[in-house]
């Protein structure tokens, strides 16, 4: 019984030392992984900044096309409105619509 009382503390100390060593190895590997992730994120950020110019050009082109198509559509509708004037309804047609 006395030998067990001497063995258990020694075994617990050895296990604690092994656990501390494993934790240290794990922390070192985790630090390397975080460094790699930081490098990857920096690279992605740099590449996305290089694409900002392209996105600004695309945005400018779409804005220009939108203004152009709005102008064309409004001019076509005004021309069609001038060519085909609205037909005035007489009183009988208005009364028939009211009943329907």
C-alpha atoms as a PDB file:
ATOM      1  CA  UNK A   1       0.000   0.000   0.000  1.00  0.00           C
ATOM      2  CA  UNK A   2       2.832   2.313   0.832  1.00  0.00           C
ATOM      3  CA  UNK A   3       4.462   1.657  -2.527  1.00  0.00           C
ATOM      4  CA  UNK A   4       1.259   2.703  -4.279  1.00  0.00           C
ATOM      5  CA  UNK A   5       1.241   5.955  -2.310  1.00  0.00           C
ATOM      6  CA  UNK A   6       4.731   6.673  -3.636  1.00  0.00           C
ATOM      7  CA  UNK A   7       3.979   5.490  -7.206  1.00  0.00           C
ATOM      8  CA  UNK A   8       0.787   7.527  -7.830  1.00  0.00           C
ATOM      9  CA  UNK A   9       2.328  10.998  -7.282  1.00  0.00           C
ATOM     10  CA  UNK A  10       5.291  10.078  -9.486  1.00  0.00           C
ATOM     11  CA  UNK A  11       2.931   8.778 -12.211  1.00  0.00           C
ATOM     12  CA  UNK A  12       0.768  11.912 -11.961  1.00  0.00           C
ATOM     13  CA  UNK A  13       3.835  14.168 -12.217  1.00  0.00           C
ATOM     14  CA  UNK A  14       5.051  12.280 -15.293  1.00  0.00           C
ATOM     15  CA  UNK A  15       1.632  12.532 -16.918  1.00  0.00           C
ATOM     16  CA  UNK A  16       1.450  16.251 -16.114  1.00  0.00           C
ATOM     17  CA  UNK A  17       4.900  16.802 -17.666  1.00  0.00           C
ATOM     18  CA  UNK A  18       3.851  14.875 -20.797  1.00  0.00           C
ATOM     19  CA  UNK A  19       0.643  16.909 -21.013  1.00  0.00           C
ATOM     20  CA  UNK A  20       2.541  20.192 -20.713  1.00  0.00           C
ATOM     21  CA  UNK A  21       4.974  19.108 -23.448  1.00  0.00           C
ATOM     22  CA  UNK A  22       2.083  18.105 -25.735  1.00  0.00           C
ATOM     23  CA  UNK A  23       0.365  21.432 -25.102  1.00  0.00           C
ATOM     24  CA  UNK A  24       3.534  23.314 -25.956  1.00  0.00           C
ATOM     25  CA  UNK A  25       3.909  21.375 -29.231  1.00  0.00           C
ATOM     26  CA  UNK A  26       0.248  22.029 -30.027  1.00  0.00           C
ATOM     27  CA  UNK A  27       0.636  25.772 -29.349  1.00  0.00           C
ATOM     28  CA  UNK A  28       3.735  26.004 -31.577  1.00  0.00           C
ATOM     29  CA  UNK A  29       1.925  24.230 -34.416  1.00  0.00           C
ATOM     30  CA  UNK A  30      -1.098  26.471 -33.910  1.00  0.00           C
ATOM     31  CA  UNK A  31       1.123  29.561 -34.145  1.00  0.00           C
ATOM     32  CA  UNK A  32       2.554  28.324 -37.466  1.00  0.00           C
ATOM     33  CA  UNK A  33      -0.957  27.697 -38.766  1.00  0.00           C
ATOM     34  CA  UNK A  34      -2.093  31.190 -37.757  1.00  0.00           C
ATOM     35  CA  UNK A  35       0.927  32.690 -39.515  1.00  0.00           C
ATOM     36  CA  UNK A  36       0.063  30.807 -42.718  1.00  0.00           C
ATOM     37  CA  UNK A  37      -3.564  31.928 -42.509  1.00  0.00           C
ATOM     38  CA  UNK A  38      -2.448  35.538 -42.031  1.00  0.00           C
ATOM     39  CA  UNK A  39      -0.242  35.327 -45.126  1.00  0.00           C
ATOM     40  CA  UNK A  40      -3.108  33.885 -47.151  1.00  0.00           C
ATOM     41  CA  UNK A  41      -5.487  36.630 -45.952  1.00  0.00           C
ATOM     42  CA  UNK A  42      -2.947  39.320 -46.807  1.00  0.00           C
ATOM     43  CA  UNK A  43      -2.595  37.857 -50.302  1.00  0.00           C
ATOM     44  CA  UNK A  44      -6.361  37.754 -50.784  1.00  0.00           C
ATOM     45  CA  UNK A  45      -6.681  41.351 -49.605  1.00  0.00           C
ATOM     46  CA  UNK A  46      -3.940  42.484 -52.008  1.00  0.00           C
ATOM     47  CA  UNK A  47      -5.598  40.691 -54.924  1.00  0.00           C
ATOM     48  CA  UNK A  48      -9.029  42.087 -54.097  1.00  0.00           C
ATOM     49  CA  UNK A  49      -7.576  45.614 -54.007  1.00  0.00           C
ATOM     50  CA  UNK A  50      -6.115  45.060 -57.467  1.00  0.00           C
ATOM     51  CA  UNK A  51      -9.593  44.137 -58.732  1.00  0.00           C
ATOM     52  CA  UNK A  52     -11.220  47.287 -57.318  1.00  0.00           C
ATOM     53  CA  UNK A  53     -10.227  49.244 -60.436  1.00  0.00           C
ATOM     54  CA  UNK A  54     -11.895  46.677 -62.676  1.00  0.00           C
ATOM     55  CA  UNK A  55     -15.080  46.800 -60.614  1.00  0.00           C
ATOM     56  CA  UNK A  56     -15.106  50.609 -60.810  1.00  0.00           C
ATOM     57  CA  UNK A  57     -14.806  50.441 -64.599  1.00  0.00           C
ATOM     58  CA  UNK A  58     -17.656  47.935 -64.800  1.00  0.00           C
ATOM     59  CA  UNK A  59     -19.779  50.134 -62.517  1.00  0.00           C
ATOM     60  CA  UNK A  60     -19.091  53.192 -64.683  1.00  0.00           C
ATOM     61  CA  UNK A  61     -19.997  51.334 -67.870  1.00  0.00           C
ATOM     62  CA  UNK A  62     -23.269  50.046 -66.425  1.00  0.00           C
ATOM     63  CA  UNK A  63     -24.186  53.535 -65.189  1.00  0.00           C
ATOM     64  CA  UNK A  64     -23.496  54.987 -68.640  1.00  0.00           C
ATOM     65  CA  UNK A  65     -25.535  52.281 -70.355  1.00  0.00           C
ATOM     66  CA  UNK A  66     -28.398  52.852 -67.927  1.00  0.00           C
ATOM     67  CA  UNK A  67     -28.476  56.581 -68.668  1.00  0.00           C
ATOM     68  CA  UNK A  68     -28.276  55.910 -72.407  1.00  0.00           C
ATOM     69  CA  UNK A  69     -31.111  53.363 -72.398  1.00  0.00           C
ATOM     70  CA  UNK A  70     -33.276  55.633 -70.225  1.00  0.00           C
ATOM     71  CA  UNK A  71     -32.751  58.469 -72.709  1.00  0.00           C
ATOM     72  CA  UNK A  72     -33.550  56.261 -75.691  1.00  0.00           C
ATOM     73  CA  UNK A  73     -36.679  54.836 -74.073  1.00  0.00           C
ATOM     74  CA  UNK A  74     -37.989  58.258 -73.048  1.00  0.00           C
ATOM     75  CA  UNK A  75     -37.395  59.702 -76.515  1.00  0.00           C
ATOM     76  CA  UNK A  76     -39.109  56.733 -78.196  1.00  0.00           C
ATOM     77  CA  UNK A  77     -42.116  56.992 -75.890  1.00  0.00           C
ATOM     78  CA  UNK A  78     -42.402  60.737 -76.512  1.00  0.00           C
ATOM     79  CA  UNK A  79     -42.238  60.185 -80.304  1.00  0.00           C
ATOM     80  CA  UNK A  80     -44.865  57.440 -80.135  1.00  0.00           C
ATOM     81  CA  UNK A  81     -46.992  59.691 -77.907  1.00  0.00           C
ATOM     82  CA  UNK A  82     -46.809  62.481 -80.488  1.00  0.00           C
ATOM     83  CA  UNK A  83     -47.593  60.149 -83.401  1.00  0.00           C
ATOM     84  CA  UNK A  84     -50.468  58.383 -81.687  1.00  0.00           C
ATOM     85  CA  UNK A  85     -52.298  60.968 -79.627  1.00  0.00           C
ATOM     86  CA  UNK A  86     -54.594  59.764 -76.909  1.00  0.00           C
ATOM     87  CA  UNK A  87     -58.115  59.185 -78.031  1.00  0.00           C
ATOM     88  CA  UNK A  88     -60.644  61.212 -76.144  1.00  0.00           C
ATOM     89  CA  UNK A  89     -63.542  59.269 -74.821  1.00  0.00           C
ATOM     90  CA  UNK A  90     -67.000  60.580 -75.324  1.00  0.00           C
ATOM     91  CA  UNK A  91     -69.583  60.596 -72.595  1.00  0.00           C
ATOM     92  CA  UNK A  92     -71.289  57.381 -73.738  1.00  0.00           C
ATOM     93  CA  UNK A  93     -68.088  55.343 -73.584  1.00  0.00           C
ATOM     94  CA  UNK A  94     -67.317  56.720 -70.111  1.00  0.00           C
ATOM     95  CA  UNK A  95     -70.796  55.766 -68.906  1.00  0.00           C
ATOM     96  CA  UNK A  96     -70.406  52.235 -70.329  1.00  0.00           C
ATOM     97  CA  UNK A  97     -67.084  51.829 -68.534  1.00  0.00           C
ATOM     98  CA  UNK A  98     -68.588  53.033 -65.288  1.00  0.00           C
ATOM     99  CA  UNK A  99     -71.335  50.370 -65.456  1.00  0.00           C
ATOM    100  CA  UNK A 100     -68.878  47.555 -66.195  1.00  0.00           C
END
